[in-house]
Amino acid sequence: MPIHSPWRADFPGILALAAEGQTYLDSAATAQKPQAMLDALLGYYAGGAANVHRAQHLPGERATRAFEATRASLAAWLNAAEPSQIIFTRGATEAFNLLAYGLEHCFQAGDEIVISALEHHANLLPWQQLALRRQLKLVVLPLDNSGLIDLEHAAQLIGPRCKLLTLSQLSNVLGGWQPLSPLLALAKAQGALTVVDGAQGVVHGRHDVQTLGCDFYIGSSHKLYGPDGVGLLYGRTAALQQLAHWQFGGEMLLQTSYHSARFRDAPLGFEAGTPPIASVIALGASLAYLAGLDADAVATHEARLHAQLLSGLQQRQGVRLLGAPQVALASFVVDGVHNADLAHLLTEQGIAVRAGHHCAMPLLQSLGLSGAIRVSLGLYNDSSDLERFFTALDQALELLR
């Protein structure tokens, strides 16, 4: 039976792309935006822009109230204990760098930082470079055959020198939910800090950070149907208190002279300069839109579409899935066909998918691959999108093989 999205009409961008013959299947890279978000973005600018936290005039007070309302909405979305545990950054990548620099003072030469073999560059490079700066050991947890972190090996590798464990919740390449609970428990047993990369995971389902029990959780607005230029960093209060300030400028300080300064605690102490005010306010509109949807209906819709995607790929000769994807995306290669050639022919037919190493170059190298094709789904996709994809895929493979 055809699978229709009841929310498709809420996303002008997906309709505009379809009108010009484009089928958008790259939501894991960035999602299209609901009309509610676009209205909020225009409303902020058209109604009178102002800076936040600084002015007593009406436009400034109004902007501050809307800005802080989004912080409260995010805290509720993640079930954080209080809004002050949410720091806004200029993207998930900046959030990881904030932690790597803000926690640098906690490490001594010979300490270990533990990551996994599937991490996105944003959750690899800040820690890699910290390890190089401070003579630390970067420990990489291997994967099992289904693309999940191998718990048996993890129990052996997360040892007493481990000071920080940082892992993806949902792989942007392999599409598998990682077994976070036992992994975080292993790190906690060693007294280590724990970081969860939720850039992909936060989009699919509501995740309770208090139940999860991590010290820090990172997400990205533009994947969560919000505007770009905004990252979210949740931290337990005790963990936030360990952070050293890392960017300096307006708003984040309490008092300064020419030669010394005192700085605010989190969150404002880590939001130096003018923040992305309009984007934060618009993210609040996206969260309100998502909160108004039937979560079970969204999950069912995504699951049905994902099953159709996997079934179609598995039926085609020579197509090899990477890992065992569980939600929203699938990455694959085709025997004897270069991913760039296939992506080119799909693009010529109006199919928007991602090709390459997906900002996870070491993972693809470990699999012996130069790249792969990734198809990723949003709540606005329907079965007609997949039908067009498979038609284009068959035509491309007919030319390439």
Protein backbone atom coordinates (compact mmCIF):
# COMPACT_ATOMS: atom_id res chain seq x y z
CA MET A 1 0.00 0.00 0.00
CA PRO A 2 1.21 3.55 -0.67
CA ILE A 3 2.61 5.38 2.36
CA HIS A 4 1.50 9.00 2.49
CA SER A 5 2.90 11.64 4.82
CA PRO A 6 0.13 13.68 6.49
CA TRP A 7 2.75 16.35 7.31
CA ARG A 8 4.20 16.85 3.84
CA ALA A 9 2.17 20.00 3.18
CA ASP A 10 3.68 21.60 6.30
CA PHE A 11 7.09 21.80 4.59
CA PRO A 12 7.20 24.34 1.76
CA GLY A 13 10.74 23.37 0.86
CA ILE A 14 9.89 19.75 0.14
CA LEU A 15 6.98 20.88 -2.05
CA ALA A 16 9.16 23.41 -3.89
CA LEU A 17 11.82 20.79 -4.59
CA ALA A 18 9.20 18.32 -5.83
CA ALA A 19 7.78 21.01 -8.15
CA GLU A 20 11.16 21.28 -9.86
CA GLY A 21 11.52 17.53 -10.16
CA GLN A 22 13.74 16.94 -7.13
CA THR A 23 13.24 14.06 -4.69
CA TYR A 24 14.88 14.97 -1.39
CA LEU A 25 16.34 11.96 0.45
CA ASP A 26 19.16 13.61 2.43
CA SER A 27 17.52 14.57 5.72
CA ALA A 28 20.36 13.11 7.79
CA ALA A 29 22.53 15.89 6.34
CA THR A 30 19.93 18.59 6.94
CA ALA A 31 16.15 18.55 7.22
CA GLN A 32 13.63 20.69 5.37
CA LYS A 33 11.81 23.23 7.53
CA PRO A 34 8.15 23.49 8.60
CA GLN A 35 6.14 26.60 7.80
CA ALA A 36 5.89 27.33 11.51
CA MET A 37 9.66 27.76 11.68
CA LEU A 38 9.72 30.01 8.62
CA ASP A 39 6.96 32.17 10.11
CA ALA A 40 8.90 32.56 13.36
CA LEU A 41 12.10 33.50 11.53
CA LEU A 42 10.37 36.18 9.48
CA GLY A 43 8.31 37.31 12.45
CA TYR A 44 11.41 38.05 14.52
CA TYR A 45 13.05 40.14 11.84
CA ALA A 46 9.89 41.82 10.54
CA GLY A 47 8.65 42.63 14.05
CA GLY A 48 11.82 44.44 15.09
CA ALA A 49 15.14 42.69 15.77
CA ALA A 50 17.04 43.34 18.99
CA ASN A 51 19.89 41.87 20.97
CA VAL A 52 19.22 39.64 23.98
CA HIS A 53 20.09 39.91 27.68
CA ARG A 54 21.46 43.45 27.28
CA ALA A 55 18.78 46.07 26.77
CA GLN A 56 15.84 47.21 28.88
CA HIS A 57 13.81 48.44 25.91
CA LEU A 58 10.76 46.57 24.65
CA PRO A 59 12.31 44.95 21.53
CA GLY A 60 15.25 43.67 23.62
CA GLU A 61 12.99 42.36 26.36
CA ARG A 62 10.76 40.64 23.80
CA ALA A 63 13.71 38.99 22.03
CA THR A 64 15.21 37.84 25.33
CA ARG A 65 11.92 36.33 26.45
CA ALA A 66 11.53 34.39 23.16
CA PHE A 67 15.17 33.31 23.21
CA GLU A 68 14.95 31.97 26.75
CA ALA A 69 11.61 30.30 25.98
CA THR A 70 13.43 28.13 23.45
CA ARG A 71 15.98 27.19 26.10
CA ALA A 72 13.10 26.10 28.33
CA SER A 73 11.50 24.19 25.45
CA LEU A 74 14.73 22.31 24.77
CA ALA A 75 15.08 21.47 28.44
CA ALA A 76 11.56 20.05 28.39
CA TRP A 77 12.22 18.21 25.10
CA LEU A 78 15.22 16.44 26.66
CA ASN A 79 13.78 16.29 30.19
CA ALA A 80 16.72 18.25 31.55
CA ALA A 81 16.33 19.15 35.21
CA GLU A 82 16.36 22.89 34.46
CA PRO A 83 16.81 25.26 31.50
CA SER A 84 20.19 26.47 32.80
CA GLN A 85 21.59 23.06 31.78
CA ILE A 86 21.13 23.98 28.09
CA ILE A 87 23.89 25.94 26.32
CA PHE A 88 23.35 27.28 22.80
CA THR A 89 26.31 26.98 20.46
CA ARG A 90 26.74 27.78 16.77
CA GLY A 91 26.40 24.13 15.82
CA ALA A 92 27.04 20.65 17.18
CA THR A 93 30.65 20.87 16.01
CA GLU A 94 31.21 23.96 18.17
CA ALA A 95 29.66 22.14 21.12
CA PHE A 96 32.22 19.34 20.83
CA ASN A 97 35.03 21.87 20.58
CA LEU A 98 33.65 23.71 23.60
CA LEU A 99 33.92 20.49 25.61
CA ALA A 100 37.37 19.59 24.28
CA TYR A 101 38.80 22.99 25.25
CA GLY A 102 36.65 23.49 28.33
CA LEU A 103 37.67 20.14 29.82
CA GLU A 104 41.31 20.21 28.74
CA HIS A 105 42.44 21.13 32.24
CA CYS A 106 40.96 17.84 33.55
CA PHE A 107 43.49 15.68 31.68
CA GLN A 108 47.08 14.69 32.35
CA ALA A 109 49.57 13.01 30.05
CA GLY A 110 48.75 9.31 29.71
CA ASP A 111 45.02 9.69 30.40
CA GLU A 112 42.65 8.06 27.94
CA ILE A 113 39.76 9.37 25.87
CA VAL A 114 37.52 6.63 24.49
CA ILE A 115 35.55 6.97 21.26
CA SER A 116 34.13 4.40 18.83
CA ALA A 117 35.10 3.41 15.30
CA LEU A 118 31.95 4.96 13.81
CA GLU A 119 32.20 8.54 15.06
CA HIS A 120 31.42 11.55 12.89
CA HIS A 121 34.40 13.85 12.38
CA ALA A 122 32.77 16.35 14.77
CA ASN A 123 33.08 13.79 17.58
CA LEU A 124 36.53 12.62 16.51
CA LEU A 125 38.72 15.57 15.58
CA PRO A 126 38.28 17.73 18.73
CA TRP A 127 39.30 14.75 20.89
CA GLN A 128 42.05 13.65 18.51
CA GLN A 129 43.57 17.12 18.65
CA LEU A 130 43.16 17.32 22.44
CA ALA A 131 45.00 14.01 22.74
CA LEU A 132 47.83 15.36 20.61
CA ARG A 133 48.04 18.59 22.62
CA ARG A 134 48.12 16.90 26.02
CA GLN A 135 49.85 13.58 25.23
CA LEU A 136 46.70 11.56 25.87
CA LYS A 137 45.77 8.17 24.45
CA LEU A 138 42.79 8.02 22.10
CA VAL A 139 41.16 4.59 22.45
CA VAL A 140 38.87 3.43 19.63
CA LEU A 141 36.14 0.89 20.42
CA PRO A 142 35.62 -1.65 17.61
CA LEU A 143 32.29 -2.61 16.05
CA ASP A 144 30.59 -5.96 15.68
CA ASN A 145 29.32 -7.33 12.38
CA SER A 146 26.04 -5.42 12.63
CA GLY A 147 27.76 -2.06 13.07
CA LEU A 148 27.21 -1.75 16.81
CA ILE A 149 29.92 -1.09 19.36
CA ASP A 150 31.29 -4.41 20.56
CA LEU A 151 30.44 -4.57 24.27
CA GLU A 152 32.87 -7.38 25.06
CA HIS A 153 35.81 -5.44 23.65
CA ALA A 154 34.53 -2.24 25.23
CA ALA A 155 34.62 -3.83 28.69
CA GLN A 156 38.30 -4.58 28.13
CA LEU A 157 39.22 -1.19 26.67
CA ILE A 158 37.40 1.16 29.06
CA GLY A 159 39.88 0.98 31.92
CA PRO A 160 41.11 3.00 34.91
CA ARG A 161 42.96 5.54 32.72
CA CYS A 162 39.72 6.44 30.91
CA LYS A 163 38.77 10.01 31.79
CA LEU A 164 36.14 10.59 29.12
CA LEU A 165 33.90 8.43 26.92
CA THR A 166 32.20 10.09 23.92
CA LEU A 167 29.90 8.14 21.60
CA SER A 168 27.30 8.60 18.90
CA GLN A 169 23.76 7.65 19.88
CA LEU A 170 22.72 6.85 16.31
CA SER A 171 25.28 6.36 13.53
CA ASN A 172 24.89 8.75 10.61
CA VAL A 173 26.33 6.05 8.30
CA LEU A 174 25.22 2.71 9.71
CA GLY A 175 21.87 3.78 11.15
CA GLY A 176 22.12 1.67 14.31
CA TRP A 177 21.13 2.71 17.83
CA GLN A 178 24.24 2.15 19.90
CA PRO A 179 24.02 0.27 23.23
CA LEU A 180 24.65 3.37 25.30
CA SER A 181 23.43 2.21 28.71
CA PRO A 182 26.06 -0.50 29.30
CA LEU A 183 28.78 1.63 27.70
CA LEU A 184 28.03 4.65 29.86
CA ALA A 185 27.95 2.37 32.91
CA LEU A 186 31.44 1.09 32.09
CA ALA A 187 32.76 4.64 31.94
CA LYS A 188 31.00 5.72 35.13
CA ALA A 189 32.52 2.77 36.96
CA GLN A 190 35.91 4.32 36.17
CA GLY A 191 34.80 7.80 37.23
CA ALA A 192 34.97 9.08 33.65
CA LEU A 193 32.90 11.86 32.10
CA THR A 194 30.45 10.79 29.41
CA VAL A 195 29.39 12.59 26.23
CA VAL A 196 26.64 11.50 23.81
CA ASP A 197 26.51 12.74 20.23
CA GLY A 198 22.77 13.01 19.68
CA ALA A 199 22.90 14.92 16.39
CA GLN A 200 21.09 12.08 14.60
CA GLY A 201 19.37 10.48 17.58
CA VAL A 202 17.56 13.58 18.85
CA VAL A 203 15.59 13.70 15.59
CA HIS A 204 14.00 10.30 16.11
CA GLY A 205 12.02 9.99 19.32
CA ARG A 206 12.19 11.83 22.61
CA HIS A 207 15.28 10.99 24.65
CA ASP A 208 15.37 11.58 28.39
CA VAL A 209 18.85 12.77 29.35
CA GLN A 210 18.23 12.10 33.02
CA THR A 211 17.36 8.48 32.30
CA LEU A 212 20.23 8.22 29.83
CA GLY A 213 22.54 9.41 32.57
CA CYS A 214 25.22 11.04 30.45
CA ASP A 215 27.15 14.09 31.60
CA PHE A 216 26.76 15.90 28.27
CA TYR A 217 24.40 15.51 25.31
CA ILE A 218 24.87 17.33 22.00
CA GLY A 219 22.37 17.99 19.22
CA SER A 220 21.97 20.10 16.10
CA SER A 221 19.05 22.36 15.20
CA HIS A 222 19.23 22.00 11.43
CA LYS A 223 18.69 18.24 11.59
CA LEU A 224 15.79 18.71 14.03
CA TYR A 225 13.70 20.60 11.46
CA GLY A 226 15.10 23.88 12.75
CA PRO A 227 17.39 26.54 11.24
CA ASP A 228 21.10 26.11 10.77
CA GLY A 229 23.72 27.83 12.90
CA VAL A 230 22.46 26.51 16.25
CA GLY A 231 23.78 23.64 18.33
CA LEU A 232 22.52 22.50 21.69
CA LEU A 233 24.67 21.30 24.55
CA TYR A 234 23.05 19.76 27.61
CA GLY A 235 25.20 19.26 30.68
CA ARG A 236 24.51 17.97 34.16
CA THR A 237 25.02 20.85 36.57
CA ALA A 238 28.02 19.21 38.25
CA ALA A 239 29.59 18.48 34.86
CA LEU A 240 29.02 22.04 33.61
CA GLN A 241 30.82 23.33 36.68
CA GLN A 242 33.98 21.55 35.51
CA LEU A 243 34.09 23.49 32.23
CA ALA A 244 36.65 26.24 31.83
CA HIS A 245 35.58 29.22 29.75
CA TRP A 246 36.93 28.99 26.22
CA GLN A 247 35.53 31.91 24.20
CA PHE A 248 35.64 35.43 25.52
CA GLY A 249 33.72 38.58 24.69
CA GLY A 250 30.50 40.37 25.36
CA GLU A 251 27.75 39.06 27.64
CA MET A 252 29.64 36.11 29.13
CA LEU A 253 31.39 38.09 31.86
CA LEU A 254 30.35 39.47 35.22
CA GLN A 255 33.02 42.14 35.57
CA THR A 256 36.22 43.14 33.82
CA SER A 257 39.02 45.64 34.08
CA TYR A 258 41.86 46.07 31.64
CA HIS A 259 43.85 43.32 33.31
CA SER A 260 41.43 40.78 34.80
CA ALA A 261 37.87 39.52 34.55
CA ARG A 262 35.26 37.36 36.25
CA PHE A 263 32.92 35.24 34.13
CA ARG A 264 29.36 33.98 34.36
CA ASP A 265 28.46 30.37 35.06
CA ALA A 266 26.67 28.24 32.46
CA PRO A 267 24.78 28.81 30.34
CA LEU A 268 25.51 32.49 29.61
CA GLY A 269 29.18 32.14 30.48
CA PHE A 270 29.56 29.89 27.44
CA GLU A 271 27.54 32.01 25.02
CA ALA A 272 30.04 34.76 24.26
CA GLY A 273 29.01 37.46 21.82
CA THR A 274 25.71 37.95 20.05
CA PRO A 275 24.12 34.53 19.68
CA PRO A 276 22.11 33.37 16.63
CA ILE A 277 18.99 35.01 18.07
CA ALA A 278 16.60 34.57 15.15
CA SER A 279 17.65 30.94 14.64
CA VAL A 280 17.21 30.06 18.33
CA ILE A 281 13.74 31.62 18.36
CA ALA A 282 12.85 29.78 15.14
CA LEU A 283 14.12 26.51 16.65
CA GLY A 284 11.58 27.07 19.41
CA ALA A 285 8.86 27.19 16.74
CA SER A 286 10.13 23.91 15.26
CA LEU A 287 10.02 22.26 18.67
CA ALA A 288 6.48 23.52 19.23
CA TYR A 289 5.48 22.14 15.82
CA LEU A 290 7.04 18.75 16.56
CA ALA A 291 5.51 18.63 20.04
CA GLY A 292 2.09 19.07 18.44
CA LEU A 293 2.44 15.96 16.29
CA ASP A 294 1.33 12.46 17.24
CA ALA A 295 4.70 10.93 18.20
CA ASP A 296 3.45 7.37 17.69
CA ALA A 297 2.14 8.24 14.23
CA VAL A 298 5.48 9.81 13.28
CA ALA A 299 7.41 6.76 14.52
CA THR A 300 5.09 4.38 12.67
CA HIS A 301 5.37 6.40 9.47
CA GLU A 302 9.17 6.47 9.64
CA ALA A 303 9.32 2.74 10.40
CA ARG A 304 7.10 1.83 7.44
CA LEU A 305 9.12 3.98 5.06
CA HIS A 306 12.38 2.60 6.39
CA ALA A 307 11.17 -0.96 5.92
CA GLN A 308 10.24 -0.14 2.31
CA LEU A 309 13.69 1.35 1.73
CA LEU A 310 15.52 -1.66 3.17
CA SER A 311 13.33 -4.14 1.31
CA GLY A 312 13.90 -2.39 -2.01
CA LEU A 313 17.66 -2.29 -1.56
CA GLN A 314 17.86 -5.92 -0.47
CA GLN A 315 15.92 -7.03 -3.55
CA ARG A 316 18.50 -5.57 -5.93
CA GLN A 317 21.41 -7.71 -7.01
CA GLY A 318 24.85 -6.53 -5.99
CA VAL A 319 23.59 -3.95 -3.50
CA ARG A 320 25.30 -4.29 -0.12
CA LEU A 321 23.98 -2.51 2.98
CA LEU A 322 26.44 -1.14 5.50
CA GLY A 323 25.66 -2.38 8.99
CA ALA A 324 22.12 -3.19 10.08
CA PRO A 325 20.26 0.15 9.87
CA GLN A 326 17.38 0.48 12.32
CA VAL A 327 15.84 3.87 11.58
CA ALA A 328 15.53 6.60 8.97
CA LEU A 329 18.55 5.87 6.78
CA ALA A 330 20.50 3.26 4.87
CA SER A 331 23.99 3.44 3.40
CA PHE A 332 24.99 1.05 0.64
CA VAL A 333 27.50 0.21 -2.04
CA VAL A 334 27.02 -1.70 -5.28
CA ASP A 335 29.49 -4.35 -6.38
CA GLY A 336 31.60 -3.13 -9.26
CA VAL A 337 30.12 0.37 -9.23
CA HIS A 338 31.84 3.49 -7.86
CA ASN A 339 29.64 5.46 -5.48
CA ALA A 340 30.50 8.76 -7.18
CA ASP A 341 29.42 7.46 -10.59
CA LEU A 342 26.15 6.19 -9.16
CA ALA A 343 25.52 9.44 -7.28
CA HIS A 344 26.11 11.40 -10.50
CA LEU A 345 23.48 9.43 -12.40
CA LEU A 346 21.01 9.68 -9.51
CA THR A 347 21.55 13.44 -9.38
CA GLU A 348 20.90 13.73 -13.11
CA GLN A 349 17.52 12.09 -12.47
CA GLY A 350 16.60 14.52 -9.68
CA ILE A 351 17.37 12.21 -6.75
CA ALA A 352 19.03 14.04 -3.84
CA VAL A 353 21.06 11.53 -1.81
CA ARG A 354 24.46 11.77 -0.14
CA ALA A 355 27.59 10.13 -1.53
CA GLY A 356 31.10 9.90 -0.12
CA HIS A 357 32.53 9.25 3.33
CA HIS A 358 29.73 11.07 5.22
CA CYS A 359 32.17 12.87 7.55
CA ALA A 360 33.20 9.47 8.90
CA MET A 361 36.31 8.82 6.84
CA PRO A 362 38.03 6.41 9.27
CA LEU A 363 34.88 4.27 9.44
CA LEU A 364 34.65 3.96 5.66
CA GLN A 365 38.37 3.20 5.46
CA SER A 366 38.00 0.48 8.08
CA LEU A 367 35.31 -1.07 5.88
CA GLY A 368 37.65 -0.96 2.90
CA LEU A 369 35.50 1.62 1.10
CA SER A 370 36.22 4.99 -0.47
CA GLY A 371 32.61 6.02 -0.01
CA ALA A 372 28.98 4.93 -0.04
CA ILE A 373 25.53 6.14 -1.03
CA ARG A 374 23.23 7.18 1.81
CA VAL A 375 19.46 7.52 1.58
CA SER A 376 17.91 9.26 4.59
CA LEU A 377 14.29 10.00 5.38
CA GLY A 378 12.31 12.78 7.02
CA LEU A 379 8.76 12.78 8.32
CA TYR A 380 7.69 14.56 5.10
CA ASN A 381 8.85 11.73 2.80
CA ASP A 382 6.39 9.19 1.43
CA SER A 383 6.47 6.03 -0.65
CA SER A 384 6.33 7.95 -3.92
CA ASP A 385 9.76 9.41 -3.07
CA LEU A 386 11.17 5.91 -2.69
CA GLU A 387 9.49 4.72 -5.86
CA ARG A 388 11.22 7.51 -7.79
CA PHE A 389 14.50 6.64 -6.10
CA PHE A 390 14.31 2.96 -7.02
CA THR A 391 13.33 3.74 -10.61
CA ALA A 392 16.34 6.05 -10.90
CA LEU A 393 18.59 3.51 -9.19
CA ASP A 394 17.60 0.76 -11.62
CA GLN A 395 18.19 3.01 -14.61
CA ALA A 396 21.57 4.09 -13.29
CA LEU A 397 22.70 0.54 -12.58
CA GLU A 398 21.61 -0.56 -16.03
CA LEU A 399 24.06 1.97 -17.49
CA LEU A 400 26.89 1.29 -15.04
CA ARG A 401 26.95 -2.51 -15.04
